[in-house]
Amino acid sequence: MPDDDLVFKALADPTRRFLLDLLFERDGRTLTELETRVDMSRFGVMKHLKLLEEAGLVVARKEGREKLHFLNPVPIREIHDRWIDKYTERRVTALLDLKNELEGDKP
């Protein structure tokens, strides 16, 4: 599956988006910390984290006996640049041109 597909699949689930929001608030959370914030089993949270890791949205690092999870925003930015930016550029340029034209008529 191409990387974009993995990222879109990962972002399609509200629980996974919530886990990403938690990591955005504070990086380096353990599974136990994340598990206490969602209404699901430890195993369920582990499955969601695994999918997020496969998509490259979460990076895990062992520290002693704990595994810490960190947000990796790069895949989201790549999706933005590839799928959002290019489709909005023309509209924004047109609006800026219109603004400049309208404001240019003012004394």
C-alpha atoms as a PDB file:
ATOM      1  CA  MET A   1       0.000   0.000   0.000  1.00  0.00           C
ATOM      2  CA  PRO A   2       1.470   3.411  -0.927  1.00  0.00           C
ATOM      3  CA  ASP A   3       2.418   5.709   1.954  1.00  0.00           C
ATOM      4  CA  ASP A   4      -0.408   8.168   1.218  1.00  0.00           C
ATOM      5  CA  ASP A   5      -2.933   5.352   1.476  1.00  0.00           C
ATOM      6  CA  LEU A   6      -1.560   4.306   4.872  1.00  0.00           C
ATOM      7  CA  VAL A   7      -1.739   7.874   6.150  1.00  0.00           C
ATOM      8  CA  PHE A   8      -5.301   8.386   4.876  1.00  0.00           C
ATOM      9  CA  LYS A   9      -6.355   5.052   6.384  1.00  0.00           C
ATOM     10  CA  ALA A  10      -4.766   5.980   9.710  1.00  0.00           C
ATOM     11  CA  LEU A  11      -6.409   9.422   9.746  1.00  0.00           C
ATOM     12  CA  ALA A  12      -9.817   8.000   8.820  1.00  0.00           C
ATOM     13  CA  ASP A  13     -10.450   6.693  12.332  1.00  0.00           C
ATOM     14  CA  PRO A  14     -11.568   9.132  15.088  1.00  0.00           C
ATOM     15  CA  THR A  15      -9.770   7.189  17.825  1.00  0.00           C
ATOM     16  CA  ARG A  16      -6.477   7.360  15.942  1.00  0.00           C
ATOM     17  CA  ARG A  17      -6.966  11.087  15.338  1.00  0.00           C
ATOM     18  CA  PHE A  18      -7.607  11.516  19.065  1.00  0.00           C
ATOM     19  CA  LEU A  19      -4.394   9.624  19.888  1.00  0.00           C
ATOM     20  CA  LEU A  20      -2.512  11.955  17.538  1.00  0.00           C
ATOM     21  CA  ASP A  21      -4.104  14.951  19.273  1.00  0.00           C
ATOM     22  CA  LEU A  22      -2.926  13.606  22.630  1.00  0.00           C
ATOM     23  CA  LEU A  23       0.610  13.241  21.307  1.00  0.00           C
ATOM     24  CA  PHE A  24       0.416  16.743  19.846  1.00  0.00           C
ATOM     25  CA  GLU A  25      -0.487  18.058  23.313  1.00  0.00           C
ATOM     26  CA  ARG A  26       2.426  16.215  24.886  1.00  0.00           C
ATOM     27  CA  ASP A  27       4.868  13.963  23.102  1.00  0.00           C
ATOM     28  CA  GLY A  28       6.519  10.931  24.639  1.00  0.00           C
ATOM     29  CA  ARG A  29       3.486   9.246  26.176  1.00  0.00           C
ATOM     30  CA  THR A  30       3.404   5.633  27.244  1.00  0.00           C
ATOM     31  CA  LEU A  31       0.765   3.128  26.223  1.00  0.00           C
ATOM     32  CA  THR A  32      -0.663   3.302  29.752  1.00  0.00           C
ATOM     33  CA  GLU A  33      -1.022   7.095  29.539  1.00  0.00           C
ATOM     34  CA  LEU A  34      -2.771   6.873  26.191  1.00  0.00           C
ATOM     35  CA  GLU A  35      -4.951   3.974  27.275  1.00  0.00           C
ATOM     36  CA  THR A  36      -6.374   5.934  30.215  1.00  0.00           C
ATOM     37  CA  ARG A  37      -7.646   8.640  27.836  1.00  0.00           C
ATOM     38  CA  VAL A  38      -9.718   6.400  25.554  1.00  0.00           C
ATOM     39  CA  ASP A  39     -12.611   4.079  26.248  1.00  0.00           C
ATOM     40  CA  MET A  40     -11.101   0.864  24.924  1.00  0.00           C
ATOM     41  CA  SER A  41      -8.885  -1.998  25.957  1.00  0.00           C
ATOM     42  CA  ARG A  42      -5.113  -1.847  26.105  1.00  0.00           C
ATOM     43  CA  PHE A  43      -5.010  -4.253  23.169  1.00  0.00           C
ATOM     44  CA  GLY A  44      -7.283  -1.961  21.138  1.00  0.00           C
ATOM     45  CA  VAL A  45      -5.041   1.042  21.770  1.00  0.00           C
ATOM     46  CA  MET A  46      -2.004  -1.062  20.813  1.00  0.00           C
ATOM     47  CA  LYS A  47      -3.639  -1.949  17.484  1.00  0.00           C
ATOM     48  CA  HIS A  48      -4.350   1.711  16.748  1.00  0.00           C
ATOM     49  CA  LEU A  49      -0.799   2.724  17.659  1.00  0.00           C
ATOM     50  CA  LYS A  50       0.602  -0.021  15.427  1.00  0.00           C
ATOM     51  CA  LEU A  51      -1.358   1.309  12.451  1.00  0.00           C
ATOM     52  CA  LEU A  52      -0.211   4.866  13.238  1.00  0.00           C
ATOM     53  CA  GLU A  53       3.396   3.638  13.373  1.00  0.00           C
ATOM     54  CA  GLU A  54       3.024   1.796  10.055  1.00  0.00           C
ATOM     55  CA  ALA A  55       1.766   5.041   8.494  1.00  0.00           C
ATOM     56  CA  GLY A  56       4.762   6.885   9.932  1.00  0.00           C
ATOM     57  CA  LEU A  57       2.566   9.179  12.022  1.00  0.00           C
ATOM     58  CA  VAL A  58       3.892   7.864  15.327  1.00  0.00           C
ATOM     59  CA  VAL A  59       7.433   6.919  16.243  1.00  0.00           C
ATOM     60  CA  ALA A  60       8.024   4.713  19.262  1.00  0.00           C
ATOM     61  CA  ARG A  61      11.204   4.551  21.312  1.00  0.00           C
ATOM     62  CA  LYS A  62      12.078   2.195  24.138  1.00  0.00           C
ATOM     63  CA  GLU A  63      13.294   3.910  27.263  1.00  0.00           C
ATOM     64  CA  GLY A  64      14.097   1.447  30.005  1.00  0.00           C
ATOM     65  CA  ARG A  65      11.046  -0.726  30.516  1.00  0.00           C
ATOM     66  CA  GLU A  66       8.695   1.728  28.816  1.00  0.00           C
ATOM     67  CA  LYS A  67       7.911   2.437  25.208  1.00  0.00           C
ATOM     68  CA  LEU A  68       7.343   6.116  24.495  1.00  0.00           C
ATOM     69  CA  HIS A  69       5.261   7.318  21.567  1.00  0.00           C
ATOM     70  CA  PHE A  70       6.010  10.500  19.637  1.00  0.00           C
ATOM     71  CA  LEU A  71       4.059  12.334  16.956  1.00  0.00           C
ATOM     72  CA  ASN A  72       5.691  12.579  13.535  1.00  0.00           C
ATOM     73  CA  PRO A  73       3.881  15.398  11.671  1.00  0.00           C
ATOM     74  CA  VAL A  74       5.863  14.976   8.432  1.00  0.00           C
ATOM     75  CA  PRO A  75       3.408  12.577   6.703  1.00  0.00           C
ATOM     76  CA  ILE A  76       0.517  14.933   7.447  1.00  0.00           C
ATOM     77  CA  ARG A  77       2.470  17.844   5.981  1.00  0.00           C
ATOM     78  CA  GLU A  78       3.273  15.787   2.891  1.00  0.00           C
ATOM     79  CA  ILE A  79      -0.434  15.020   2.462  1.00  0.00           C
ATOM     80  CA  HIS A  80      -1.187  18.721   2.855  1.00  0.00           C
ATOM     81  CA  ASP A  81       1.421  19.727   0.289  1.00  0.00           C
ATOM     82  CA  ARG A  82       0.344  17.034  -2.173  1.00  0.00           C
ATOM     83  CA  TRP A  83      -3.435  17.082  -1.824  1.00  0.00           C
ATOM     84  CA  ILE A  84      -4.504  20.409  -0.364  1.00  0.00           C
ATOM     85  CA  ASP A  85      -1.987  23.091  -1.262  1.00  0.00           C
ATOM     86  CA  LYS A  86      -2.058  22.582  -5.013  1.00  0.00           C
ATOM     87  CA  TYR A  87      -5.855  22.662  -5.161  1.00  0.00           C
ATOM     88  CA  THR A  88      -6.207  25.868  -3.155  1.00  0.00           C
ATOM     89  CA  GLU A  89      -3.332  27.831  -4.721  1.00  0.00           C
ATOM     90  CA  ARG A  90      -5.298  29.065  -7.763  1.00  0.00           C
ATOM     91  CA  ARG A  91      -8.258  30.167  -5.674  1.00  0.00           C
ATOM     92  CA  VAL A  92      -6.084  32.028  -3.201  1.00  0.00           C
ATOM     93  CA  THR A  93      -4.178  33.700  -6.035  1.00  0.00           C
ATOM     94  CA  ALA A  94      -7.456  34.756  -7.646  1.00  0.00           C
ATOM     95  CA  LEU A  95      -8.701  36.200  -4.358  1.00  0.00           C
ATOM     96  CA  LEU A  96      -5.437  38.079  -3.823  1.00  0.00           C
ATOM     97  CA  ASP A  97      -5.594  39.466  -7.369  1.00  0.00           C
ATOM     98  CA  LEU A  98      -9.189  40.588  -6.782  1.00  0.00           C
ATOM     99  CA  LYS A  99      -8.247  42.177  -3.457  1.00  0.00           C
ATOM    100  CA  ASN A 100      -5.330  44.051  -5.031  1.00  0.00           C
ATOM    101  CA  GLU A 101      -7.503  45.208  -7.915  1.00  0.00           C
ATOM    102  CA  LEU A 102     -10.267  46.434  -5.625  1.00  0.00           C
ATOM    103  CA  GLU A 103      -7.904  48.112  -3.196  1.00  0.00           C
ATOM    104  CA  GLY A 104      -5.863  49.604  -6.049  1.00  0.00           C
ATOM    105  CA  ASP A 105      -8.880  51.694  -7.082  1.00  0.00           C
ATOM    106  CA  LYS A 106      -8.924  53.408  -3.692  1.00  0.00           C
ATOM    107  CA  PRO A 107      -7.260  56.880  -3.425  1.00  0.00           C
END
